[in-house]
Amino acid sequence: LDADVSLDVVKQFTAHVRERALSDEVNKALNPAQQVVQIVNDELVAI
């Protein structure tokens, strides 16, 4: 939001990141932090 990204895009983006970050792909990962970075990267590529 500070970077002027559209509110609708921000809502959609963060919803997808939260859903995937709470899933098994992060819980079972050896390094959860890197997995979250990968999720954010994937969602950035999508938008």
ModelCIF file with pLDDT and N, C-alpha, C, O atoms, coordinates in Angstrom:
data_MODEL
#
_entry.id   MODEL 
#
_entity.id                         1 
_entity.type                       polymer 
_entity.pdbx_number_of_molecules   1 
#
_entity_poly.entity_id                      1 
_entity_poly.type                           'polypeptide(L)' 
_entity_poly.nstd_linkage                   no 
_entity_poly.nstd_monomer                   no 
_entity_poly.pdbx_seq_one_letter_code       LDADVSLDVVKQFTAHVRERALSDEVNKALNPAQQVVQIVNDELVAI 
_entity_poly.pdbx_seq_one_letter_code_can   LDADVSLDVVKQFTAHVRERALSDEVNKALNPAQQVVQIVNDELVAI 
_entity_poly.pdbx_strand_id                 A 
#
loop_
_entity_poly_seq.entity_id 
_entity_poly_seq.num 
_entity_poly_seq.mon_id 
_entity_poly_seq.hetero 
1 1  LEU n 
1 2  ASP n 
1 3  ALA n 
1 4  ASP n 
1 5  VAL n 
1 6  SER n 
1 7  LEU n 
1 8  ASP n 
1 9  VAL n 
1 10 VAL n 
1 11 LYS n 
1 12 GLN n 
1 13 PHE n 
1 14 THR n 
1 15 ALA n 
1 16 HIS n 
1 17 VAL n 
1 18 ARG n 
1 19 GLU n 
1 20 ARG n 
1 21 ALA n 
1 22 LEU n 
1 23 SER n 
1 24 ASP n 
1 25 GLU n 
1 26 VAL n 
1 27 ASN n 
1 28 LYS n 
1 29 ALA n 
1 30 LEU n 
1 31 ASN n 
1 32 PRO n 
1 33 ALA n 
1 34 GLN n 
1 35 GLN n 
1 36 VAL n 
1 37 VAL n 
1 38 GLN n 
1 39 ILE n 
1 40 VAL n 
1 41 ASN n 
1 42 ASP n 
1 43 GLU n 
1 44 LEU n 
1 45 VAL n 
1 46 ALA n 
1 47 ILE n 
#
_struct_asym.id          A 
_struct_asym.entity_id   1 
#
loop_
_ma_qa_metric.id 
_ma_qa_metric.mode 
_ma_qa_metric.name 
_ma_qa_metric.software_group_id 
_ma_qa_metric.type 
1 global pLDDT . pLDDT 
2 local  pLDDT . pLDDT 
#
_ma_qa_metric_global.metric_id      1 
_ma_qa_metric_global.metric_value   79.70 
_ma_qa_metric_global.model_id       1 
_ma_qa_metric_global.ordinal_id     1 
#
loop_
_ma_qa_metric_local.label_asym_id 
_ma_qa_metric_local.label_comp_id 
_ma_qa_metric_local.label_seq_id 
_ma_qa_metric_local.metric_id 
_ma_qa_metric_local.metric_value 
_ma_qa_metric_local.model_id 
_ma_qa_metric_local.ordinal_id 
A LEU 1  2 82.00 1 1  
A ASP 2  2 81.00 1 2  
A ALA 3  2 79.00 1 3  
A ASP 4  2 77.00 1 4  
A VAL 5  2 81.00 1 5  
A SER 6  2 80.00 1 6  
A LEU 7  2 83.00 1 7  
A ASP 8  2 84.00 1 8  
A VAL 9  2 85.00 1 9  
A VAL 10 2 87.00 1 10 
A LYS 11 2 89.00 1 11 
A GLN 12 2 88.00 1 12 
A PHE 13 2 87.00 1 13 
A THR 14 2 89.00 1 14 
A ALA 15 2 90.00 1 15 
A HIS 16 2 88.00 1 16 
A VAL 17 2 87.00 1 17 
A ARG 18 2 87.00 1 18 
A GLU 19 2 86.00 1 19 
A ARG 20 2 85.00 1 20 
A ALA 21 2 82.00 1 21 
A LEU 22 2 81.00 1 22 
A SER 23 2 77.00 1 23 
A ASP 24 2 67.00 1 24 
A GLU 25 2 64.00 1 25 
A VAL 26 2 63.00 1 26 
A ASN 27 2 59.00 1 27 
A LYS 28 2 61.00 1 28 
A ALA 29 2 57.00 1 29 
A LEU 30 2 56.00 1 30 
A ASN 31 2 71.00 1 31 
A PRO 32 2 72.00 1 32 
A ALA 33 2 73.00 1 33 
A GLN 34 2 77.00 1 34 
A GLN 35 2 79.00 1 35 
A VAL 36 2 81.00 1 36 
A VAL 37 2 82.00 1 37 
A GLN 38 2 83.00 1 38 
A ILE 39 2 85.00 1 39 
A VAL 40 2 85.00 1 40 
A ASN 41 2 84.00 1 41 
A ASP 42 2 86.00 1 42 
A GLU 43 2 86.00 1 43 
A LEU 44 2 85.00 1 44 
A VAL 45 2 86.00 1 45 
A ALA 46 2 86.00 1 46 
A ILE 47 2 83.00 1 47 
#
loop_
_atom_site.group_PDB 
_atom_site.id 
_atom_site.type_symbol 
_atom_site.label_atom_id 
_atom_site.label_alt_id 
_atom_site.label_comp_id 
_atom_site.label_asym_id 
_atom_site.label_entity_id 
_atom_site.label_seq_id 
_atom_site.pdbx_PDB_ins_code 
_atom_site.Cartn_x 
_atom_site.Cartn_y 
_atom_site.Cartn_z 
_atom_site.occupancy 
_atom_site.B_iso_or_equiv 
_atom_site.pdbx_formal_charge 
_atom_site.auth_seq_id 
_atom_site.auth_comp_id 
_atom_site.auth_asym_id 
_atom_site.auth_atom_id 
_atom_site.pdbx_PDB_model_num 
ATOM 1   N N  . LEU A 1 1  ? 0.841  -1.212  0.000   1.00 82.00 ? 1  LEU A N  1 
ATOM 2   C CA . LEU A 1 1  ? 0.000  0.000   0.000   1.00 82.00 ? 1  LEU A CA 1 
ATOM 3   C C  . LEU A 1 1  ? 0.870  1.254   0.000   1.00 82.00 ? 1  LEU A C  1 
ATOM 4   O O  . LEU A 1 1  ? 0.553  2.230   -0.680  1.00 82.00 ? 1  LEU A O  1 
ATOM 5   N N  . ASP A 1 2  ? 1.974  1.230   0.766   1.00 81.00 ? 2  ASP A N  1 
ATOM 6   C CA . ASP A 1 2  ? 2.891  2.378   0.775   1.00 81.00 ? 2  ASP A CA 1 
ATOM 7   C C  . ASP A 1 2  ? 3.513  2.594   -0.595  1.00 81.00 ? 2  ASP A C  1 
ATOM 8   O O  . ASP A 1 2  ? 3.860  3.718   -0.957  1.00 81.00 ? 2  ASP A O  1 
ATOM 9   N N  . ALA A 1 3  ? 3.653  1.512   -1.358  1.00 79.00 ? 3  ALA A N  1 
ATOM 10  C CA . ALA A 1 3  ? 4.248  1.601   -2.697  1.00 79.00 ? 3  ALA A CA 1 
ATOM 11  C C  . ALA A 1 3  ? 3.221  1.950   -3.764  1.00 79.00 ? 3  ALA A C  1 
ATOM 12  O O  . ALA A 1 3  ? 3.542  1.937   -4.953  1.00 79.00 ? 3  ALA A O  1 
ATOM 13  N N  . ASP A 1 4  ? 1.980  2.265   -3.358  1.00 77.00 ? 4  ASP A N  1 
ATOM 14  C CA . ASP A 1 4  ? 0.922  2.691   -4.289  1.00 77.00 ? 4  ASP A CA 1 
ATOM 15  C C  . ASP A 1 4  ? 0.337  1.564   -5.122  1.00 77.00 ? 4  ASP A C  1 
ATOM 16  O O  . ASP A 1 4  ? -0.237 1.819   -6.181  1.00 77.00 ? 4  ASP A O  1 
ATOM 17  N N  . VAL A 1 5  ? 0.470  0.330   -4.671  1.00 81.00 ? 5  VAL A N  1 
ATOM 18  C CA . VAL A 1 5  ? -0.185 -0.768  -5.366  1.00 81.00 ? 5  VAL A CA 1 
ATOM 19  C C  . VAL A 1 5  ? -1.688 -0.655  -5.131  1.00 81.00 ? 5  VAL A C  1 
ATOM 20  O O  . VAL A 1 5  ? -2.117 -0.288  -4.038  1.00 81.00 ? 5  VAL A O  1 
ATOM 21  N N  . SER A 1 6  ? -2.481 -0.963  -6.135  1.00 80.00 ? 6  SER A N  1 
ATOM 22  C CA . SER A 1 6  ? -3.938 -0.847  -6.048  1.00 80.00 ? 6  SER A CA 1 
ATOM 23  C C  . SER A 1 6  ? -4.493 -1.682  -4.891  1.00 80.00 ? 6  SER A C  1 
ATOM 24  O O  . SER A 1 6  ? -4.034 -2.799  -4.654  1.00 80.00 ? 6  SER A O  1 
ATOM 25  N N  . LEU A 1 7  ? -5.482 -1.138  -4.172  1.00 83.00 ? 7  LEU A N  1 
ATOM 26  C CA . LEU A 1 7  ? -6.043 -1.807  -3.000  1.00 83.00 ? 7  LEU A CA 1 
ATOM 27  C C  . LEU A 1 7  ? -6.622 -3.179  -3.362  1.00 83.00 ? 7  LEU A C  1 
ATOM 28  O O  . LEU A 1 7  ? -6.420 -4.147  -2.630  1.00 83.00 ? 7  LEU A O  1 
ATOM 29  N N  . ASP A 1 8  ? -7.334 -3.265  -4.475  1.00 84.00 ? 8  ASP A N  1 
ATOM 30  C CA . ASP A 1 8  ? -7.918 -4.545  -4.883  1.00 84.00 ? 8  ASP A CA 1 
ATOM 31  C C  . ASP A 1 8  ? -6.837 -5.592  -5.139  1.00 84.00 ? 8  ASP A C  1 
ATOM 32  O O  . ASP A 1 8  ? -6.990 -6.760  -4.781  1.00 84.00 ? 8  ASP A O  1 
ATOM 33  N N  . VAL A 1 9  ? -5.745 -5.158  -5.762  1.00 85.00 ? 9  VAL A N  1 
ATOM 34  C CA . VAL A 1 9  ? -4.632 -6.078  -6.035  1.00 85.00 ? 9  VAL A CA 1 
ATOM 35  C C  . VAL A 1 9  ? -3.972 -6.512  -4.733  1.00 85.00 ? 9  VAL A C  1 
ATOM 36  O O  . VAL A 1 9  ? -3.601 -7.676  -4.581  1.00 85.00 ? 9  VAL A O  1 
ATOM 37  N N  . VAL A 1 10 ? -3.823 -5.577  -3.791  1.00 87.00 ? 10 VAL A N  1 
ATOM 38  C CA . VAL A 1 10 ? -3.200 -5.902  -2.503  1.00 87.00 ? 10 VAL A CA 1 
ATOM 39  C C  . VAL A 1 10 ? -4.040 -6.932  -1.751  1.00 87.00 ? 10 VAL A C  1 
ATOM 40  O O  . VAL A 1 10 ? -3.500 -7.888  -1.194  1.00 87.00 ? 10 VAL A O  1 
ATOM 41  N N  . LYS A 1 11 ? -5.350 -6.742  -1.736  1.00 89.00 ? 11 LYS A N  1 
ATOM 42  C CA . LYS A 1 11 ? -6.238 -7.691  -1.036  1.00 89.00 ? 11 LYS A CA 1 
ATOM 43  C C  . LYS A 1 11 ? -6.115 -9.092  -1.627  1.00 89.00 ? 11 LYS A C  1 
ATOM 44  O O  . LYS A 1 11 ? -5.989 -10.079 -0.902  1.00 89.00 ? 11 LYS A O  1 
ATOM 45  N N  . GLN A 1 12 ? -6.153 -9.161  -2.941  1.00 88.00 ? 12 GLN A N  1 
ATOM 46  C CA . GLN A 1 12 ? -6.053 -10.454 -3.617  1.00 88.00 ? 12 GLN A CA 1 
ATOM 47  C C  . GLN A 1 12 ? -4.680 -11.100 -3.368  1.00 88.00 ? 12 GLN A C  1 
ATOM 48  O O  . GLN A 1 12 ? -4.579 -12.302 -3.123  1.00 88.00 ? 12 GLN A O  1 
ATOM 49  N N  . PHE A 1 13 ? -3.648 -10.287 -3.436  1.00 87.00 ? 13 PHE A N  1 
ATOM 50  C CA . PHE A 1 13 ? -2.273 -10.775 -3.265  1.00 87.00 ? 13 PHE A CA 1 
ATOM 51  C C  . PHE A 1 13 ? -2.066 -11.347 -1.859  1.00 87.00 ? 13 PHE A C  1 
ATOM 52  O O  . PHE A 1 13 ? -1.597 -12.475 -1.703  1.00 87.00 ? 13 PHE A O  1 
ATOM 53  N N  . THR A 1 14 ? -2.418 -10.562 -0.841  1.00 89.00 ? 14 THR A N  1 
ATOM 54  C CA . THR A 1 14 ? -2.180 -10.999 0.541   1.00 89.00 ? 14 THR A CA 1 
ATOM 55  C C  . THR A 1 14 ? -3.055 -12.193 0.910   1.00 89.00 ? 14 THR A C  1 
ATOM 56  O O  . THR A 1 14 ? -2.639 -13.040 1.701   1.00 89.00 ? 14 THR A O  1 
ATOM 57  N N  . ALA A 1 15 ? -4.260 -12.271 0.349   1.00 90.00 ? 15 ALA A N  1 
ATOM 58  C CA . ALA A 1 15 ? -5.127 -13.419 0.626   1.00 90.00 ? 15 ALA A CA 1 
ATOM 59  C C  . ALA A 1 15 ? -4.487 -14.708 0.110   1.00 90.00 ? 15 ALA A C  1 
ATOM 60  O O  . ALA A 1 15 ? -4.500 -15.731 0.795   1.00 90.00 ? 15 ALA A O  1 
ATOM 61  N N  . HIS A 1 16 ? -3.929 -14.654 -1.095  1.00 88.00 ? 16 HIS A N  1 
ATOM 62  C CA . HIS A 1 16 ? -3.271 -15.835 -1.668  1.00 88.00 ? 16 HIS A CA 1 
ATOM 63  C C  . HIS A 1 16 ? -2.024 -16.211 -0.874  1.00 88.00 ? 16 HIS A C  1 
ATOM 64  O O  . HIS A 1 16 ? -1.768 -17.389 -0.629  1.00 88.00 ? 16 HIS A O  1 
ATOM 65  N N  . VAL A 1 17 ? -1.237 -15.183 -0.466  1.00 87.00 ? 17 VAL A N  1 
ATOM 66  C CA . VAL A 1 17 ? -0.016 -15.457 0.299   1.00 87.00 ? 17 VAL A CA 1 
ATOM 67  C C  . VAL A 1 17 ? -0.358 -16.098 1.642   1.00 87.00 ? 17 VAL A C  1 
ATOM 68  O O  . VAL A 1 17 ? 0.287  -17.064 2.051   1.00 87.00 ? 17 VAL A O  1 
ATOM 69  N N  . ARG A 1 18 ? -1.368 -15.566 2.328   1.00 87.00 ? 18 ARG A N  1 
ATOM 70  C CA . ARG A 1 18 ? -1.742 -16.106 3.644   1.00 87.00 ? 18 ARG A CA 1 
ATOM 71  C C  . ARG A 1 18 ? -2.237 -17.548 3.520   1.00 87.00 ? 18 ARG A C  1 
ATOM 72  O O  . ARG A 1 18 ? -1.869 -18.412 4.316   1.00 87.00 ? 18 ARG A O  1 
ATOM 73  N N  . GLU A 1 19 ? -3.076 -17.797 2.511   1.00 86.00 ? 19 GLU A N  1 
ATOM 74  C CA . GLU A 1 19 ? -3.629 -19.135 2.328   1.00 86.00 ? 19 GLU A CA 1 
ATOM 75  C C  . GLU A 1 19 ? -2.511 -20.162 2.087   1.00 86.00 ? 19 GLU A C  1 
ATOM 76  O O  . GLU A 1 19 ? -2.524 -21.251 2.660   1.00 86.00 ? 19 GLU A O  1 
ATOM 77  N N  . ARG A 1 20 ? -1.556 -19.801 1.242   1.00 85.00 ? 20 ARG A N  1 
ATOM 78  C CA . ARG A 1 20 ? -0.470 -20.737 0.931   1.00 85.00 ? 20 ARG A CA 1 
ATOM 79  C C  . ARG A 1 20 ? 0.525  -20.850 2.085   1.00 85.00 ? 20 ARG A C  1 
ATOM 80  O O  . ARG A 1 20 ? 1.089  -21.919 2.315   1.00 85.00 ? 20 ARG A O  1 
ATOM 81  N N  . ALA A 1 21 ? 0.745  -19.734 2.821   1.00 82.00 ? 21 ALA A N  1 
ATOM 82  C CA . ALA A 1 21 ? 1.706  -19.755 3.921   1.00 82.00 ? 21 ALA A CA 1 
ATOM 83  C C  . ALA A 1 21 ? 1.226  -20.614 5.090   1.00 82.00 ? 21 ALA A C  1 
ATOM 84  O O  . ALA A 1 21 ? 2.036  -21.129 5.862   1.00 82.00 ? 21 ALA A O  1 
ATOM 85  N N  . LEU A 1 22 ? -0.097 -20.768 5.217   1.00 81.00 ? 22 LEU A N  1 
ATOM 86  C CA . LEU A 1 22 ? -0.643 -21.597 6.300   1.00 81.00 ? 22 LEU A CA 1 
ATOM 87  C C  . LEU A 1 22 ? -0.852 -23.046 5.862   1.00 81.00 ? 22 LEU A C  1 
ATOM 88  O O  . LEU A 1 22 ? -1.324 -23.865 6.652   1.00 81.00 ? 22 LEU A O  1 
ATOM 89  N N  . SER A 1 23 ? -0.511 -23.370 4.627   1.00 77.00 ? 23 SER A N  1 
ATOM 90  C CA . SER A 1 23 ? -0.745 -24.715 4.111   1.00 77.00 ? 23 SER A CA 1 
ATOM 91  C C  . SER A 1 23 ? 0.401  -25.649 4.483   1.00 77.00 ? 23 SER A C  1 
ATOM 92  O O  . SER A 1 23 ? 1.378  -25.236 5.108   1.00 77.00 ? 23 SER A O  1 
ATOM 93  N N  . ASP A 1 24 ? 0.268  -26.907 4.094   1.00 67.00 ? 24 ASP A N  1 
ATOM 94  C CA . ASP A 1 24 ? 1.262  -27.923 4.432   1.00 67.00 ? 24 ASP A CA 1 
ATOM 95  C C  . ASP A 1 24 ? 2.591  -27.692 3.733   1.00 67.00 ? 24 ASP A C  1 
ATOM 96  O O  . ASP A 1 24 ? 3.628  -28.144 4.219   1.00 67.00 ? 24 ASP A O  1 
ATOM 97  N N  . GLU A 1 25 ? 2.582  -26.993 2.597   1.00 64.00 ? 25 GLU A N  1 
ATOM 98  C CA . GLU A 1 25 ? 3.838  -26.793 1.872   1.00 64.00 ? 25 GLU A CA 1 
ATOM 99  C C  . GLU A 1 25 ? 4.828  -25.975 2.693   1.00 64.00 ? 25 GLU A C  1 
ATOM 100 O O  . GLU A 1 25 ? 6.036  -26.097 2.494   1.00 64.00 ? 25 GLU A O  1 
ATOM 101 N N  . VAL A 1 26 ? 4.336  -25.140 3.616   1.00 63.00 ? 26 VAL A N  1 
ATOM 102 C CA . VAL A 1 26 ? 5.217  -24.380 4.494   1.00 63.00 ? 26 VAL A CA 1 
ATOM 103 C C  . VAL A 1 26 ? 5.465  -25.137 5.799   1.00 63.00 ? 26 VAL A C  1 
ATOM 104 O O  . VAL A 1 26 ? 6.593  -25.176 6.292   1.00 63.00 ? 26 VAL A O  1 
ATOM 105 N N  . ASN A 1 27 ? 4.420  -25.732 6.355   1.00 59.00 ? 27 ASN A N  1 
ATOM 106 C CA . ASN A 1 27 ? 4.560  -26.453 7.627   1.00 59.00 ? 27 ASN A CA 1 
ATOM 107 C C  . ASN A 1 27 ? 5.558  -27.600 7.546   1.00 59.00 ? 27 ASN A C  1 
ATOM 108 O O  . ASN A 1 27 ? 6.261  -27.881 8.517   1.00 59.00 ? 27 ASN A O  1 
ATOM 109 N N  . LYS A 1 28 ? 5.625  -28.266 6.394   1.00 61.00 ? 28 LYS A N  1 
ATOM 110 C CA . LYS A 1 28 ? 6.514  -29.418 6.235   1.00 61.00 ? 28 LYS A CA 1 
ATOM 111 C C  . LYS A 1 28 ? 7.871  -29.041 5.633   1.00 61.00 ? 28 LYS A C  1 
ATOM 112 O O  . LYS A 1 28 ? 8.721  -29.907 5.426   1.00 61.00 ? 28 LYS A O  1 
ATOM 113 N N  . ALA A 1 29 ? 8.071  -27.757 5.355   1.00 57.00 ? 29 ALA A N  1 
ATOM 114 C CA . ALA A 1 29 ? 9.321  -27.331 4.735   1.00 57.00 ? 29 ALA A CA 1 
ATOM 115 C C  . ALA A 1 29 ? 10.456 -27.316 5.746   1.00 57.00 ? 29 ALA A C  1 
ATOM 116 O O  . ALA A 1 29 ? 10.244 -27.035 6.926   1.00 57.00 ? 29 ALA A O  1 
ATOM 117 N N  . LEU A 1 30 ? 11.669 -27.620 5.275   1.00 56.00 ? 30 LEU A N  1 
ATOM 118 C CA . LEU A 1 30 ? 12.838 -27.586 6.150   1.00 56.00 ? 30 LEU A CA 1 
ATOM 119 C C  . LEU A 1 30 ? 13.155 -26.162 6.567   1.00 56.00 ? 30 LEU A C  1 
ATOM 120 O O  . LEU A 1 30 ? 13.629 -25.932 7.679   1.00 56.00 ? 30 LEU A O  1 
ATOM 121 N N  . ASN A 1 31 ? 12.899 -25.199 5.682   1.00 71.00 ? 31 ASN A N  1 
ATOM 122 C CA . ASN A 1 31 ? 13.140 -23.795 5.985   1.00 71.00 ? 31 ASN A CA 1 
ATOM 123 C C  . ASN A 1 31 ? 11.872 -23.008 5.657   1.00 71.00 ? 31 ASN A C  1 
ATOM 124 O O  . ASN A 1 31 ? 11.698 -22.575 4.518   1.00 71.00 ? 31 ASN A O  1 
ATOM 125 N N  . PRO A 1 32 ? 10.989 -22.817 6.632   1.00 72.00 ? 32 PRO A N  1 
ATOM 126 C CA . PRO A 1 32 ? 9.701  -22.135 6.369   1.00 72.00 ? 32 PRO A CA 1 
ATOM 127 C C  . PRO A 1 32 ? 9.867  -20.722 5.822   1.00 72.00 ? 32 PRO A C  1 
ATOM 128 O O  . PRO A 1 32 ? 9.089  -20.289 4.972   1.00 72.00 ? 32 PRO A O  1 
ATOM 129 N N  . ALA A 1 33 ? 10.888 -19.993 6.310   1.00 73.00 ? 33 ALA A N  1 
ATOM 130 C CA . ALA A 1 33 ? 11.074 -18.605 5.859   1.00 73.00 ? 33 ALA A CA 1 
ATOM 131 C C  . ALA A 1 33 ? 11.342 -18.551 4.360   1.00 73.00 ? 33 ALA A C  1 
ATOM 132 O O  . ALA A 1 33 ? 10.767 -17.724 3.652   1.00 73.00 ? 33 ALA A O  1 
ATOM 133 N N  . GLN A 1 34 ? 12.219 -19.436 3.875   1.00 77.00 ? 34 GLN A N  1 
ATOM 134 C CA . GLN A 1 34 ? 12.499 -19.468 2.440   1.00 77.00 ? 34 GLN A CA 1 
ATOM 135 C C  . GLN A 1 34 ? 11.269 -19.865 1.636   1.00 77.00 ? 34 GLN A C  1 
ATOM 136 O O  . GLN A 1 34 ? 11.065 -19.394 0.517   1.00 77.00 ? 34 GLN A O  1 
ATOM 137 N N  . GLN A 1 35 ? 10.455 -20.734 2.217   1.00 79.00 ? 35 GLN A N  1 
ATOM 138 C CA . GLN A 1 35 ? 9.241  -21.156 1.530   1.00 79.00 ? 35 GLN A CA 1 
ATOM 139 C C  . GLN A 1 35 ? 8.263  -19.987 1.381   1.00 79.00 ? 35 GLN A C  1 
ATOM 140 O O  . GLN A 1 35 ? 7.601  -19.853 0.352   1.00 79.00 ? 35 GLN A O  1 
ATOM 141 N N  . VAL A 1 36 ? 8.176  -19.147 2.409   1.00 81.00 ? 36 VAL A N  1 
ATOM 142 C CA . VAL A 1 36 ? 7.298  -17.971 2.348   1.00 81.00 ? 36 VAL A CA 1 
ATOM 143 C C  . VAL A 1 36 ? 7.810  -16.987 1.292   1.00 81.00 ? 36 VAL A C  1 
ATOM 144 O O  . VAL A 1 36 ? 7.021  -16.409 0.544   1.00 81.00 ? 36 VAL A O  1 
ATOM 145 N N  . VAL A 1 37 ? 9.144  -16.797 1.234   1.00 82.00 ? 37 VAL A N  1 
ATOM 146 C CA . VAL A 1 37 ? 9.725  -15.919 0.202   1.00 82.00 ? 37 VAL A CA 1 
ATOM 147 C C  . VAL A 1 37 ? 9.373  -16.449 -1.183  1.00 82.00 ? 37 VAL A C  1 
ATOM 148 O O  . VAL A 1 37 ? 9.052  -15.672 -2.083  1.00 82.00 ? 37 VAL A O  1 
ATOM 149 N N  . GLN A 1 38 ? 9.432  -17.765 -1.357  1.00 83.00 ? 38 GLN A N  1 
ATOM 150 C CA . GLN A 1 38 ? 9.093  -18.369 -2.642  1.00 83.00 ? 38 GLN A CA 1 
ATOM 151 C C  . GLN A 1 38 ? 7.623  -18.131 -2.991  1.00 83.00 ? 38 GLN A C  1 
ATOM 152 O O  . GLN A 1 38 ? 7.285  -17.871 -4.145  1.00 83.00 ? 38 GLN A O  1 
ATOM 153 N N  . ILE A 1 39 ? 6.754  -18.224 -1.982  1.00 85.00 ? 39 ILE A N  1 
ATOM 154 C CA . ILE A 1 39 ? 5.320  -17.985 -2.197  1.00 85.00 ? 39 ILE A CA 1 
ATOM 155 C C  . ILE A 1 39 ? 5.086  -16.535 -2.639  1.00 85.00 ? 39 ILE A C  1 
ATOM 156 O O  . ILE A 1 39 ? 4.351  -16.280 -3.592  1.00 85.00 ? 39 ILE A O  1 
ATOM 157 N N  . VAL A 1 40 ? 5.723  -15.586 -1.930  1.00 85.00 ? 40 VAL A N  1 
ATOM 158 C CA . VAL A 1 40 ? 5.577  -14.168 -2.282  1.00 85.00 ? 40 VAL A CA 1 
ATOM 159 C C  . VAL A 1 40 ? 6.115  -13.929 -3.692  1.00 85.00 ? 40 VAL A C  1 
ATOM 160 O O  . VAL A 1 40 ? 5.527  -13.168 -4.460  1.00 85.00 ? 40 VAL A O  1 
ATOM 161 N N  . ASN A 1 41 ? 7.220  -14.571 -4.031  1.00 84.00 ? 41 ASN A N  1 
ATOM 162 C CA . ASN A 1 41 ? 7.790  -14.440 -5.375  1.00 84.00 ? 41 ASN A CA 1 
ATOM 163 C C  . ASN A 1 41 ? 6.802  -14.944 -6.432  1.00 84.00 ? 41 ASN A C  1 
ATOM 164 O O  . ASN A 1 41 ? 6.595  -14.291 -7.455  1.00 84.00 ? 41 ASN A O  1 
ATOM 165 N N  . ASP A 1 42 ? 6.195  -16.109 -6.179  1.00 86.00 ? 42 ASP A N  1 
ATOM 166 C CA . ASP A 1 42 ? 5.222  -16.678 -7.127  1.00 86.00 ? 42 ASP A CA 1 
ATOM 167 C C  . ASP A 1 42 ? 4.030  -15.746 -7.324  1.00 86.00 ? 42 ASP A C  1 
ATOM 168 O O  . ASP A 1 42 ? 3.562  -15.553 -8.446  1.00 86.00 ? 42 ASP A O  1 
ATOM 169 N N  . GLU A 1 43 ? 3.542  -15.170 -6.225  1.00 86.00 ? 43 GLU A N  1 
ATOM 170 C CA . GLU A 1 43 ? 2.374  -14.291 -6.320  1.00 86.00 ? 43 GLU A CA 1 
ATOM 171 C C  . GLU A 1 43 ? 2.723  -12.961 -7.006  1.00 86.00 ? 43 GLU A C  1 
ATOM 172 O O  . GLU A 1 43 ? 1.894  -12.383 -7.710  1.00 86.00 ? 43 GLU A O  1 
ATOM 173 N N  . LEU A 1 44 ? 3.958  -12.483 -6.794  1.00 85.00 ? 44 LEU A N  1 
ATOM 174 C CA . LEU A 1 44 ? 4.392  -11.273 -7.494  1.00 85.00 ? 44 LEU A CA 1 
ATOM 175 C C  . LEU A 1 44 ? 4.451  -11.519 -9.003  1.00 85.00 ? 44 LEU A C  1 
ATOM 176 O O  . LEU A 1 44 ? 4.032  -10.677 -9.797  1.00 85.00 ? 44 LEU A O  1 
ATOM 177 N N  . VAL A 1 45 ? 4.975  -12.684 -9.383  1.00 86.00 ? 45 VAL A N  1 
ATOM 178 C CA . VAL A 1 45 ? 5.026  -13.050 -10.802 1.00 86.00 ? 45 VAL A CA 1 
ATOM 179 C C  . VAL A 1 45 ? 3.616  -13.070 -11.388 1.00 86.00 ? 45 VAL A C  1 
ATOM 180 O O  . VAL A 1 45 ? 3.392  -12.643 -12.521 1.00 86.00 ? 45 VAL A O  1 
ATOM 181 N N  . ALA A 1 46 ? 2.665  -13.577 -10.589 1.00 86.00 ? 46 ALA A N  1 
ATOM 182 C CA . ALA A 1 46 ? 1.272  -13.677 -11.065 1.00 86.00 ? 46 ALA A CA 1 
ATOM 183 C C  . ALA A 1 46 ? 0.667  -12.299 -11.327 1.00 86.00 ? 46 ALA A C  1 
ATOM 184 O O  . ALA A 1 46 ? 0.031  -12.096 -12.361 1.00 86.00 ? 46 ALA A O  1 
ATOM 185 N N  . ILE A 1 47 ? 0.857  -11.337 -10.395 1.00 83.00 ? 47 ILE A N  1 
ATOM 186 C CA . ILE A 1 47 ? 0.234  -10.022 -10.597 1.00 83.00 ? 47 ILE A CA 1 
ATOM 187 C C  . ILE A 1 47 ? 0.971  -9.217  -11.668 1.00 83.00 ? 47 ILE A C  1 
ATOM 188 O O  . ILE A 1 47 ? 0.584  -8.087  -11.967 1.00 83.00 ? 47 ILE A O  1 
#
